[in-house]
Amino acid sequence: MKRLLIALLIIPTLLLAQDKQKETTEKTKVDAWSGATKKNKQEVKFTGYISGKIKDTDNKKALEFATVSLTHKKTNKLTEG
């Protein structure tokens, strides 16, 4: 009897805990593959690498810490990811 009661309490909890994956048709929130990204299946994604060195103009030495932003050329929006 105890096992039946425990099973009746645990099974619905496990079933209700599983979210159904909803397919969205909205545009992408960010250009990344994070969990917060909503992907549009028709949108073309480009992947690649951005690399380089940032040097100080006065002494031509590489900066130890620098922040670089990548913006979209047409929309002037910040690209995240």
PDB file of N, CA and C in Angstrom:
ATOM      1  N   MET A   1       0.819  -1.194   0.000  1.00  0.00           N
ATOM      2  CA  MET A   1       0.000   0.000   0.000  1.00  0.00           C
ATOM      3  C   MET A   1       0.871   1.270   0.000  1.00  0.00           C
ATOM      4  N   LYS A   2       1.973   1.187   0.796  1.00  0.00           N
ATOM      5  CA  LYS A   2       2.868   2.336   0.847  1.00  0.00           C
ATOM      6  C   LYS A   2       3.511   2.593  -0.513  1.00  0.00           C
ATOM      7  N   ARG A   3       3.911   1.533  -1.178  1.00  0.00           N
ATOM      8  CA  ARG A   3       4.566   1.671  -2.480  1.00  0.00           C
ATOM      9  C   ARG A   3       3.615   2.266  -3.511  1.00  0.00           C
ATOM     10  N   LEU A   4       2.365   1.870  -3.471  1.00  0.00           N
ATOM     11  CA  LEU A   4       1.370   2.407  -4.398  1.00  0.00           C
ATOM     12  C   LEU A   4       1.168   3.898  -4.161  1.00  0.00           C
ATOM     13  N   LEU A   5       1.099   4.292  -2.904  1.00  0.00           N
ATOM     14  CA  LEU A   5       0.927   5.706  -2.567  1.00  0.00           C
ATOM     15  C   LEU A   5       2.137   6.526  -3.029  1.00  0.00           C
ATOM     16  N   ILE A   6       3.325   6.001  -2.798  1.00  0.00           N
ATOM     17  CA  ILE A   6       4.536   6.706  -3.227  1.00  0.00           C
ATOM     18  C   ILE A   6       4.585   6.806  -4.748  1.00  0.00           C
ATOM     19  N   ALA A   7       4.230   5.743  -5.438  1.00  0.00           N
ATOM     20  CA  ALA A   7       4.226   5.757  -6.905  1.00  0.00           C
ATOM     21  C   ALA A   7       3.205   6.755  -7.436  1.00  0.00           C
ATOM     22  N   LEU A   8       2.041   6.825  -6.804  1.00  0.00           N
ATOM     23  CA  LEU A   8       1.011   7.769  -7.245  1.00  0.00           C
ATOM     24  C   LEU A   8       1.421   9.221  -7.003  1.00  0.00           C
ATOM     25  N   LEU A   9       2.296   9.450  -6.064  1.00  0.00           N
ATOM     26  CA  LEU A   9       2.781  10.810  -5.812  1.00  0.00           C
ATOM     27  C   LEU A   9       3.971  11.173  -6.706  1.00  0.00           C
ATOM     28  N   ILE A  10       4.835  10.218  -6.972  1.00  0.00           N
ATOM     29  CA  ILE A  10       6.056  10.508  -7.725  1.00  0.00           C
ATOM     30  C   ILE A  10       5.818  10.563  -9.228  1.00  0.00           C
ATOM     31  N   ILE A  11       5.059   9.657  -9.784  1.00  0.00           N
ATOM     32  CA  ILE A  11       4.871   9.588 -11.240  1.00  0.00           C
ATOM     33  C   ILE A  11       4.254  10.870 -11.804  1.00  0.00           C
ATOM     34  N   PRO A  12       3.168  11.408 -11.239  1.00  0.00           N
ATOM     35  CA  PRO A  12       2.640  12.669 -11.797  1.00  0.00           C
ATOM     36  C   PRO A  12       3.624  13.834 -11.675  1.00  0.00           C
ATOM     37  N   THR A  13       4.401  13.834 -10.603  1.00  0.00           N
ATOM     38  CA  THR A  13       5.399  14.890 -10.438  1.00  0.00           C
ATOM     39  C   THR A  13       6.436  14.832 -11.551  1.00  0.00           C
ATOM     40  N   LEU A  14       6.894  13.640 -11.872  1.00  0.00           N
ATOM     41  CA  LEU A  14       7.880  13.493 -12.944  1.00  0.00           C
ATOM     42  C   LEU A  14       7.294  13.846 -14.303  1.00  0.00           C
ATOM     43  N   LEU A  15       6.053  13.499 -14.531  1.00  0.00           N
ATOM     44  CA  LEU A  15       5.430  13.793 -15.820  1.00  0.00           C
ATOM     45  C   LEU A  15       5.180  15.284 -16.003  1.00  0.00           C
ATOM     46  N   LEU A  16       4.775  15.955 -14.948  1.00  0.00           N
ATOM     47  CA  LEU A  16       4.491  17.385 -15.043  1.00  0.00           C
ATOM     48  C   LEU A  16       5.767  18.225 -15.054  1.00  0.00           C
ATOM     49  N   ALA A  17       6.867  17.663 -14.611  1.00  0.00           N
ATOM     50  CA  ALA A  17       8.126  18.406 -14.576  1.00  0.00           C
ATOM     51  C   ALA A  17       8.751  18.549 -15.956  1.00  0.00           C
ATOM     52  N   GLN A  18       8.325  17.773 -16.923  1.00  0.00           N
ATOM     53  CA  GLN A  18       8.907  17.809 -18.262  1.00  0.00           C
ATOM     54  C   GLN A  18       8.185  18.848 -19.111  1.00  0.00           C
ATOM     55  N   ASP A  19       8.920  19.868 -19.560  1.00  0.00           N
ATOM     56  CA  ASP A  19       8.345  20.890 -20.436  1.00  0.00           C
ATOM     57  C   ASP A  19       8.357  20.395 -21.870  1.00  0.00           C
ATOM     58  N   LYS A  20       7.300  20.715 -22.577  1.00  0.00           N
ATOM     59  CA  LYS A  20       7.281  20.416 -24.003  1.00  0.00           C
ATOM     60  C   LYS A  20       8.088  21.493 -24.716  1.00  0.00           C
ATOM     61  N   GLN A  21       8.878  21.077 -25.692  1.00  0.00           N
ATOM     62  CA  GLN A  21       9.689  22.038 -26.435  1.00  0.00           C
ATOM     63  C   GLN A  21       8.801  22.712 -27.471  1.00  0.00           C
ATOM     64  N   LYS A  22       8.636  24.020 -27.317  1.00  0.00           N
ATOM     65  CA  LYS A  22       7.788  24.780 -28.225  1.00  0.00           C
ATOM     66  C   LYS A  22       8.628  25.299 -29.380  1.00  0.00           C
ATOM     67  N   GLU A  23       8.106  25.175 -30.565  1.00  0.00           N
ATOM     68  CA  GLU A  23       8.804  25.678 -31.744  1.00  0.00           C
ATOM     69  C   GLU A  23       8.343  27.111 -31.984  1.00  0.00           C
ATOM     70  N   THR A  24       9.287  28.025 -32.016  1.00  0.00           N
ATOM     71  CA  THR A  24       8.940  29.430 -32.193  1.00  0.00           C
ATOM     72  C   THR A  24       9.245  29.870 -33.614  1.00  0.00           C
ATOM     73  N   THR A  25       8.460  30.797 -34.091  1.00  0.00           N
ATOM     74  CA  THR A  25       8.688  31.353 -35.422  1.00  0.00           C
ATOM     75  C   THR A  25       9.181  32.792 -35.323  1.00  0.00           C
ATOM     76  N   GLU A  26       9.506  33.219 -34.108  1.00  0.00           N
ATOM     77  CA  GLU A  26      10.008  34.570 -33.924  1.00  0.00           C
ATOM     78  C   GLU A  26      11.427  34.672 -34.468  1.00  0.00           C
ATOM     79  N   LYS A  27      11.878  35.903 -34.619  1.00  0.00           N
ATOM     80  CA  LYS A  27      13.238  36.114 -35.094  1.00  0.00           C
ATOM     81  C   LYS A  27      14.222  35.816 -33.966  1.00  0.00           C
ATOM     82  N   THR A  28      15.459  35.646 -34.316  1.00  0.00           N
ATOM     83  CA  THR A  28      16.503  35.328 -33.358  1.00  0.00           C
ATOM     84  C   THR A  28      16.722  36.500 -32.411  1.00  0.00           C
ATOM     85  N   LYS A  29      16.804  36.200 -31.113  1.00  0.00           N
ATOM     86  CA  LYS A  29      17.081  37.236 -30.136  1.00  0.00           C
ATOM     87  C   LYS A  29      18.531  37.685 -30.217  1.00  0.00           C
ATOM     88  N   VAL A  30      19.441  36.727 -30.294  1.00  0.00           N
ATOM     89  CA  VAL A  30      20.866  37.026 -30.402  1.00  0.00           C
ATOM     90  C   VAL A  30      21.479  36.114 -31.447  1.00  0.00           C
ATOM     91  N   ASP A  31      22.646  36.474 -31.917  1.00  0.00           N
ATOM     92  CA  ASP A  31      23.353  35.642 -32.892  1.00  0.00           C
ATOM     93  C   ASP A  31      24.313  34.707 -32.172  1.00  0.00           C
ATOM     94  N   ALA A  32      23.761  33.791 -31.408  1.00  0.00           N
ATOM     95  CA  ALA A  32      24.587  32.845 -30.666  1.00  0.00           C
ATOM     96  C   ALA A  32      23.852  31.531 -30.556  1.00  0.00           C
ATOM     97  N   TRP A  33      24.494  30.553 -30.005  1.00  0.00           N
ATOM     98  CA  TRP A  33      23.874  29.250 -29.822  1.00  0.00           C
ATOM     99  C   TRP A  33      23.580  29.001 -28.356  1.00  0.00           C
ATOM    100  N   SER A  34      23.279  30.045 -27.608  1.00  0.00           N
ATOM    101  CA  SER A  34      22.983  29.868 -26.196  1.00  0.00           C
ATOM    102  C   SER A  34      21.573  29.342 -26.019  1.00  0.00           C
ATOM    103  N   GLY A  35      21.229  28.972 -24.797  1.00  0.00           N
ATOM    104  CA  GLY A  35      19.896  28.459 -24.524  1.00  0.00           C
ATOM    105  C   GLY A  35      18.830  29.528 -24.659  1.00  0.00           C
ATOM    106  N   ALA A  36      19.215  30.797 -24.572  1.00  0.00           N
ATOM    107  CA  ALA A  36      18.251  31.879 -24.671  1.00  0.00           C
ATOM    108  C   ALA A  36      17.956  32.266 -26.109  1.00  0.00           C
ATOM    109  N   THR A  37      18.624  31.665 -27.041  1.00  0.00           N
ATOM    110  CA  THR A  37      18.479  32.023 -28.445  1.00  0.00           C
ATOM    111  C   THR A  37      17.257  31.365 -29.054  1.00  0.00           C
ATOM    112  N   LYS A  38      16.448  32.149 -29.712  1.00  0.00           N
ATOM    113  CA  LYS A  38      15.343  31.610 -30.501  1.00  0.00           C
ATOM    114  C   LYS A  38      15.807  31.597 -31.944  1.00  0.00           C
ATOM    115  N   LYS A  39      15.788  30.444 -32.546  1.00  0.00           N
ATOM    116  CA  LYS A  39      16.336  30.314 -33.892  1.00  0.00           C
ATOM    117  C   LYS A  39      15.229  30.289 -34.930  1.00  0.00           C
ATOM    118  N   ASN A  40      15.438  30.986 -36.008  1.00  0.00           N
ATOM    119  CA  ASN A  40      14.551  30.929 -37.152  1.00  0.00           C
ATOM    120  C   ASN A  40      15.174  29.947 -38.135  1.00  0.00           C
ATOM    121  N   LYS A  41      14.450  28.901 -38.496  1.00  0.00           N
ATOM    122  CA  LYS A  41      15.014  27.843 -39.332  1.00  0.00           C
ATOM    123  C   LYS A  41      15.389  28.333 -40.726  1.00  0.00           C
ATOM    124  N   GLN A  42      14.778  29.392 -41.209  1.00  0.00           N
ATOM    125  CA  GLN A  42      15.053  29.877 -42.553  1.00  0.00           C
ATOM    126  C   GLN A  42      16.246  30.830 -42.587  1.00  0.00           C
ATOM    127  N   GLU A  43      16.681  31.282 -41.448  1.00  0.00           N
ATOM    128  CA  GLU A  43      17.774  32.245 -41.393  1.00  0.00           C
ATOM    129  C   GLU A  43      19.109  31.535 -41.600  1.00  0.00           C
ATOM    130  N   VAL A  44      19.975  32.124 -42.405  1.00  0.00           N
ATOM    131  CA  VAL A  44      21.283  31.546 -42.689  1.00  0.00           C
ATOM    132  C   VAL A  44      22.244  31.978 -41.591  1.00  0.00           C
ATOM    133  N   LYS A  45      22.964  31.033 -41.040  1.00  0.00           N
ATOM    134  CA  LYS A  45      23.936  31.324 -39.988  1.00  0.00           C
ATOM    135  C   LYS A  45      25.344  31.180 -40.541  1.00  0.00           C
ATOM    136  N   PHE A  46      26.195  32.125 -40.221  1.00  0.00           N
ATOM    137  CA  PHE A  46      27.589  32.061 -40.595  1.00  0.00           C
ATOM    138  C   PHE A  46      28.399  31.815 -39.330  1.00  0.00           C
ATOM    139  N   THR A  47      29.346  30.925 -39.422  1.00  0.00           N
ATOM    140  CA  THR A  47      30.228  30.677 -38.293  1.00  0.00           C
ATOM    141  C   THR A  47      31.658  30.942 -38.718  1.00  0.00           C
ATOM    142  N   GLY A  48      32.454  31.336 -37.782  1.00  0.00           N
ATOM    143  CA  GLY A  48      33.844  31.617 -38.083  1.00  0.00           C
ATOM    144  C   GLY A  48      34.563  32.097 -36.841  1.00  0.00           C
ATOM    145  N   TYR A  49      35.760  32.596 -37.033  1.00  0.00           N
ATOM    146  CA  TYR A  49      36.581  33.064 -35.932  1.00  0.00           C
ATOM    147  C   TYR A  49      36.984  34.506 -36.176  1.00  0.00           C
ATOM    148  N   ILE A  50      37.065  35.244 -35.105  1.00  0.00           N
ATOM    149  CA  ILE A  50      37.594  36.601 -35.148  1.00  0.00           C
ATOM    150  C   ILE A  50      38.804  36.601 -34.232  1.00  0.00           C
ATOM    151  N   SER A  51      39.934  37.005 -34.759  1.00  0.00           N
ATOM    152  CA  SER A  51      41.138  37.026 -33.934  1.00  0.00           C
ATOM    153  C   SER A  51      41.969  38.248 -34.296  1.00  0.00           C
ATOM    154  N   GLY A  52      42.853  38.598 -33.420  1.00  0.00           N
ATOM    155  CA  GLY A  52      43.729  39.726 -33.673  1.00  0.00           C
ATOM    156  C   GLY A  52      44.363  40.229 -32.395  1.00  0.00           C
ATOM    157  N   LYS A  53      45.132  41.293 -32.513  1.00  0.00           N
ATOM    158  CA  LYS A  53      45.793  41.904 -31.368  1.00  0.00           C
ATOM    159  C   LYS A  53      45.426  43.377 -31.338  1.00  0.00           C
ATOM    160  N   ILE A  54      45.234  43.880 -30.147  1.00  0.00           N
ATOM    161  CA  ILE A  54      44.943  45.300 -29.967  1.00  0.00           C
ATOM    162  C   ILE A  54      46.185  45.937 -29.363  1.00  0.00           C
ATOM    163  N   LYS A  55      46.716  46.939 -30.073  1.00  0.00           N
ATOM    164  CA  LYS A  55      47.949  47.584 -29.628  1.00  0.00           C
ATOM    165  C   LYS A  55      47.678  49.037 -29.262  1.00  0.00           C
ATOM    166  N   ASP A  56      48.431  49.503 -28.302  1.00  0.00           N
ATOM    167  CA  ASP A  56      48.380  50.893 -27.883  1.00  0.00           C
ATOM    168  C   ASP A  56      49.028  51.746 -28.968  1.00  0.00           C
ATOM    169  N   THR A  57      48.408  52.874 -29.321  1.00  0.00           N
ATOM    170  CA  THR A  57      48.952  53.709 -30.402  1.00  0.00           C
ATOM    171  C   THR A  57      50.223  54.444 -29.984  1.00  0.00           C
ATOM    172  N   ASP A  58      50.400  54.688 -28.692  1.00  0.00           N
ATOM    173  CA  ASP A  58      51.580  55.432 -28.242  1.00  0.00           C
ATOM    174  C   ASP A  58      52.845  54.575 -28.231  1.00  0.00           C
ATOM    175  N   ASN A  59      52.776  53.408 -27.594  1.00  0.00           N
ATOM    176  CA  ASN A  59      54.000  52.613 -27.444  1.00  0.00           C
ATOM    177  C   ASN A  59      53.982  51.311 -28.247  1.00  0.00           C
ATOM    178  N   LYS A  60      52.966  51.081 -29.026  1.00  0.00           N
ATOM    179  CA  LYS A  60      52.850  49.911 -29.914  1.00  0.00           C
ATOM    180  C   LYS A  60      52.916  48.567 -29.177  1.00  0.00           C
ATOM    181  N   LYS A  61      52.603  48.567 -27.884  1.00  0.00           N
ATOM    182  CA  LYS A  61      52.577  47.320 -27.117  1.00  0.00           C
ATOM    183  C   LYS A  61      51.144  46.791 -27.076  1.00  0.00           C
ATOM    184  N   ALA A  62      51.034  45.472 -26.981  1.00  0.00           N
ATOM    185  CA  ALA A  62      49.708  44.855 -26.908  1.00  0.00           C
ATOM    186  C   ALA A  62      49.051  45.199 -25.573  1.00  0.00           C
ATOM    187  N   LEU A  63      47.757  45.502 -25.621  1.00  0.00           N
ATOM    188  CA  LEU A  63      47.014  45.790 -24.402  1.00  0.00           C
ATOM    189  C   LEU A  63      46.717  44.488 -23.673  1.00  0.00           C
ATOM    190  N   GLU A  64      46.840  44.522 -22.355  1.00  0.00           N
ATOM    191  CA  GLU A  64      46.598  43.313 -21.578  1.00  0.00           C
ATOM    192  C   GLU A  64      45.115  42.984 -21.510  1.00  0.00           C
ATOM    193  N   PHE A  65      44.287  43.967 -21.288  1.00  0.00           N
ATOM    194  CA  PHE A  65      42.848  43.761 -21.191  1.00  0.00           C
ATOM    195  C   PHE A  65      42.152  44.774 -22.094  1.00  0.00           C
ATOM    196  N   ALA A  66      41.274  44.287 -22.952  1.00  0.00           N
ATOM    197  CA  ALA A  66      40.547  45.173 -23.855  1.00  0.00           C
ATOM    198  C   ALA A  66      39.160  44.598 -24.106  1.00  0.00           C
ATOM    199  N   THR A  67      38.211  45.467 -24.343  1.00  0.00           N
ATOM    200  CA  THR A  67      36.856  45.052 -24.679  1.00  0.00           C
ATOM    201  C   THR A  67      36.612  45.376 -26.140  1.00  0.00           C
ATOM    202  N   VAL A  68      36.142  44.389 -26.883  1.00  0.00           N
ATOM    203  CA  VAL A  68      35.886  44.558 -28.309  1.00  0.00           C
ATOM    204  C   VAL A  68      34.416  44.271 -28.557  1.00  0.00           C
ATOM    205  N   SER A  69      33.768  45.109 -29.342  1.00  0.00           N
ATOM    206  CA  SER A  69      32.361  44.908 -29.688  1.00  0.00           C
ATOM    207  C   SER A  69      32.234  44.641 -31.175  1.00  0.00           C
ATOM    208  N   LEU A  70      31.332  43.752 -31.524  1.00  0.00           N
ATOM    209  CA  LEU A  70      31.059  43.429 -32.918  1.00  0.00           C
ATOM    210  C   LEU A  70      29.640  43.898 -33.219  1.00  0.00           C
ATOM    211  N   THR A  71      29.509  44.810 -34.188  1.00  0.00           N
ATOM    212  CA  THR A  71      28.193  45.342 -34.523  1.00  0.00           C
ATOM    213  C   THR A  71      27.813  44.946 -35.944  1.00  0.00           C
ATOM    214  N   HIS A  72      26.508  44.837 -36.161  1.00  0.00           N
ATOM    215  CA  HIS A  72      25.986  44.513 -37.488  1.00  0.00           C
ATOM    216  C   HIS A  72      26.112  45.756 -38.355  1.00  0.00           C
ATOM    217  N   LYS A  73      26.611  45.595 -39.554  1.00  0.00           N
ATOM    218  CA  LYS A  73      26.901  46.738 -40.417  1.00  0.00           C
ATOM    219  C   LYS A  73      25.636  47.488 -40.831  1.00  0.00           C
ATOM    220  N   LYS A  74      24.565  46.757 -41.155  1.00  0.00           N
ATOM    221  CA  LYS A  74      23.343  47.409 -41.640  1.00  0.00           C
ATOM    222  C   LYS A  74      22.498  47.982 -40.509  1.00  0.00           C
ATOM    223  N   THR A  75      22.316  47.214 -39.433  1.00  0.00           N
ATOM    224  CA  THR A  75      21.416  47.643 -38.363  1.00  0.00           C
ATOM    225  C   THR A  75      22.131  48.368 -37.239  1.00  0.00           C
ATOM    226  N   ASN A  76      23.442  48.308 -37.210  1.00  0.00           N
ATOM    227  CA  ASN A  76      24.259  48.932 -36.172  1.00  0.00           C
ATOM    228  C   ASN A  76      23.919  48.396 -34.779  1.00  0.00           C
ATOM    229  N   LYS A  77      23.445  47.147 -34.722  1.00  0.00           N
ATOM    230  CA  LYS A  77      23.131  46.519 -33.443  1.00  0.00           C
ATOM    231  C   LYS A  77      24.306  45.658 -32.998  1.00  0.00           C
ATOM    232  N   LEU A  78      24.453  45.539 -31.689  1.00  0.00           N
ATOM    233  CA  LEU A  78      25.519  44.746 -31.105  1.00  0.00           C
ATOM    234  C   LEU A  78      25.242  43.263 -31.300  1.00  0.00           C
ATOM    235  N   THR A  79      26.243  42.527 -31.762  1.00  0.00           N
ATOM    236  CA  THR A  79      26.119  41.084 -31.940  1.00  0.00           C
ATOM    237  C   THR A  79      26.599  40.408 -30.672  1.00  0.00           C
ATOM    238  N   GLU A  80      25.761  39.551 -30.113  1.00  0.00           N
ATOM    239  CA  GLU A  80      26.104  38.859 -28.871  1.00  0.00           C
ATOM    240  C   GLU A  80      26.389  37.404 -29.155  1.00  0.00           C
ATOM    241  N   GLY A  81      27.150  36.787 -28.277  1.00  0.00           N
ATOM    242  CA  GLY A  81      27.361  35.353 -28.411  1.00  0.00           C
ATOM    243  C   GLY A  81      28.758  34.929 -28.121  1.00  0.00           C
TER     244      GLY A  81
END
